[in-house]
Amino acid sequence: MHLDSITLIGLVAATCTTSSFLPQVIKTLRSKQTKDISLLMYAILTAGLFLWLVYGIILKDLPLILANGVSCSLALSVLFLKIRHG
């Protein structure tokens, strides 16, 4: 697969923004503390990430698909933990 510079920029940006979710997911999994996490914010964020994923699939845009697929999964995990641990 040949990556052009625009796709490469997209993949690097996707890696940066997607990996930013990891510290929150790890901290929440370890501590089970979700009191200070906004349920509404994560619900809206997850919906938006899902819609970006659908958009990326429609466009067949690899950076959009990868970034939003992984980000949506990570946001869903925090949302699930927020609902579970309140």
C-alpha atoms as a PDB file:
ATOM      1  CA  MET A   1       0.000   0.000   0.000  1.00  0.00           C
ATOM      2  CA  HIS A   2       1.386   3.390  -1.004  1.00  0.00           C
ATOM      3  CA  LEU A   3       0.649   6.255   1.381  1.00  0.00           C
ATOM      4  CA  ASP A   4       0.589   9.775   0.028  1.00  0.00           C
ATOM      5  CA  SER A   5       1.629  12.657   2.271  1.00  0.00           C
ATOM      6  CA  ILE A   6      -1.959  13.768   2.936  1.00  0.00           C
ATOM      7  CA  THR A   7      -2.957  10.284   4.132  1.00  0.00           C
ATOM      8  CA  LEU A   8       0.187  10.111   6.256  1.00  0.00           C
ATOM      9  CA  ILE A   9      -0.675  13.439   7.913  1.00  0.00           C
ATOM     10  CA  GLY A  10      -4.169  12.101   8.574  1.00  0.00           C
ATOM     11  CA  LEU A  11      -2.813   8.909  10.113  1.00  0.00           C
ATOM     12  CA  VAL A  12      -0.402  10.821  12.388  1.00  0.00           C
ATOM     13  CA  ALA A  13      -3.226  13.169  13.460  1.00  0.00           C
ATOM     14  CA  ALA A  14      -5.483  10.166  14.055  1.00  0.00           C
ATOM     15  CA  THR A  15      -2.817   8.521  16.205  1.00  0.00           C
ATOM     16  CA  CYS A  16      -2.381  11.660  18.315  1.00  0.00           C
ATOM     17  CA  THR A  17      -6.065  12.315  18.917  1.00  0.00           C
ATOM     18  CA  THR A  18      -6.999   8.678  19.439  1.00  0.00           C
ATOM     19  CA  SER A  19      -4.160   7.972  21.861  1.00  0.00           C
ATOM     20  CA  SER A  20      -5.266  10.948  23.963  1.00  0.00           C
ATOM     21  CA  PHE A  21      -8.167   8.804  25.215  1.00  0.00           C
ATOM     22  CA  LEU A  22      -5.896   6.106  26.656  1.00  0.00           C
ATOM     23  CA  PRO A  23      -4.900   7.849  29.921  1.00  0.00           C
ATOM     24  CA  GLN A  24      -8.566   8.412  30.858  1.00  0.00           C
ATOM     25  CA  VAL A  25      -9.561   4.858  29.977  1.00  0.00           C
ATOM     26  CA  ILE A  26      -6.653   3.369  31.949  1.00  0.00           C
ATOM     27  CA  LYS A  27      -7.238   5.621  34.958  1.00  0.00           C
ATOM     28  CA  THR A  28     -10.962   4.843  34.983  1.00  0.00           C
ATOM     29  CA  LEU A  29     -10.401   1.098  34.647  1.00  0.00           C
ATOM     30  CA  ARG A  30      -7.898   1.094  37.510  1.00  0.00           C
ATOM     31  CA  SER A  31      -9.689   3.403  39.923  1.00  0.00           C
ATOM     32  CA  LYS A  32     -13.342   2.675  39.097  1.00  0.00           C
ATOM     33  CA  GLN A  33     -13.867   6.359  39.968  1.00  0.00           C
ATOM     34  CA  THR A  34     -16.116   8.186  37.526  1.00  0.00           C
ATOM     35  CA  LYS A  35     -17.667  10.871  39.721  1.00  0.00           C
ATOM     36  CA  ASP A  36     -15.877  13.726  37.964  1.00  0.00           C
ATOM     37  CA  ILE A  37     -16.560  12.475  34.430  1.00  0.00           C
ATOM     38  CA  SER A  38     -19.481  14.076  32.613  1.00  0.00           C
ATOM     39  CA  LEU A  39     -22.005  11.488  31.413  1.00  0.00           C
ATOM     40  CA  LEU A  40     -23.570  13.925  28.942  1.00  0.00           C
ATOM     41  CA  MET A  41     -20.204  14.915  27.491  1.00  0.00           C
ATOM     42  CA  TYR A  42     -19.187  11.296  26.892  1.00  0.00           C
ATOM     43  CA  ALA A  43     -22.618  10.428  25.462  1.00  0.00           C
ATOM     44  CA  ILE A  44     -22.425  13.295  22.962  1.00  0.00           C
ATOM     45  CA  LEU A  45     -18.760  12.567  22.192  1.00  0.00           C
ATOM     46  CA  THR A  46     -19.478   8.888  21.545  1.00  0.00           C
ATOM     47  CA  ALA A  47     -22.388   9.744  19.238  1.00  0.00           C
ATOM     48  CA  GLY A  48     -20.194  12.206  17.336  1.00  0.00           C
ATOM     49  CA  LEU A  49     -17.334   9.722  17.005  1.00  0.00           C
ATOM     50  CA  PHE A  50     -19.753   7.089  15.721  1.00  0.00           C
ATOM     51  CA  LEU A  51     -21.075   9.518  13.107  1.00  0.00           C
ATOM     52  CA  TRP A  52     -17.495  10.399  12.074  1.00  0.00           C
ATOM     53  CA  LEU A  53     -16.834   6.669  11.732  1.00  0.00           C
ATOM     54  CA  VAL A  54     -19.883   6.242   9.483  1.00  0.00           C
ATOM     55  CA  TYR A  55     -18.756   9.283   7.451  1.00  0.00           C
ATOM     56  CA  GLY A  56     -15.272   7.791   7.073  1.00  0.00           C
ATOM     57  CA  ILE A  57     -16.724   4.466   5.952  1.00  0.00           C
ATOM     58  CA  ILE A  58     -18.907   6.201   3.358  1.00  0.00           C
ATOM     59  CA  LEU A  59     -15.869   8.103   2.042  1.00  0.00           C
ATOM     60  CA  LYS A  60     -13.602   5.040   2.370  1.00  0.00           C
ATOM     61  CA  ASP A  61     -11.114   7.277   4.216  1.00  0.00           C
ATOM     62  CA  LEU A  62      -8.648   5.135   6.166  1.00  0.00           C
ATOM     63  CA  PRO A  63      -7.534   7.768   8.726  1.00  0.00           C
ATOM     64  CA  LEU A  64     -11.150   8.662   9.547  1.00  0.00           C
ATOM     65  CA  ILE A  65     -12.144   5.016   9.870  1.00  0.00           C
ATOM     66  CA  LEU A  66      -9.205   4.011  12.067  1.00  0.00           C
ATOM     67  CA  ALA A  67      -9.209   7.070  14.316  1.00  0.00           C
ATOM     68  CA  ASN A  68     -12.923   7.175  14.893  1.00  0.00           C
ATOM     69  CA  GLY A  69     -13.346   3.414  15.184  1.00  0.00           C
ATOM     70  CA  VAL A  70     -10.742   3.186  17.941  1.00  0.00           C
ATOM     71  CA  SER A  71     -11.780   6.488  19.570  1.00  0.00           C
ATOM     72  CA  CYS A  72     -15.427   5.445  19.597  1.00  0.00           C
ATOM     73  CA  SER A  73     -14.498   2.163  21.270  1.00  0.00           C
ATOM     74  CA  LEU A  74     -12.434   3.945  23.926  1.00  0.00           C
ATOM     75  CA  ALA A  75     -15.127   6.564  24.562  1.00  0.00           C
ATOM     76  CA  LEU A  76     -17.731   3.803  24.795  1.00  0.00           C
ATOM     77  CA  SER A  77     -15.637   2.038  27.409  1.00  0.00           C
ATOM     78  CA  VAL A  78     -15.456   5.197  29.550  1.00  0.00           C
ATOM     79  CA  LEU A  79     -19.183   5.765  29.027  1.00  0.00           C
ATOM     80  CA  PHE A  80     -19.913   2.185  30.093  1.00  0.00           C
ATOM     81  CA  LEU A  81     -17.738   2.573  33.193  1.00  0.00           C
ATOM     82  CA  LYS A  82     -19.428   5.886  34.020  1.00  0.00           C
ATOM     83  CA  ILE A  83     -22.853   4.242  33.833  1.00  0.00           C
ATOM     84  CA  ARG A  84     -21.678   1.204  35.784  1.00  0.00           C
ATOM     85  CA  HIS A  85     -19.776   3.015  38.539  1.00  0.00           C
ATOM     86  CA  GLY A  86     -21.790   6.249  38.512  1.00  0.00           C
END
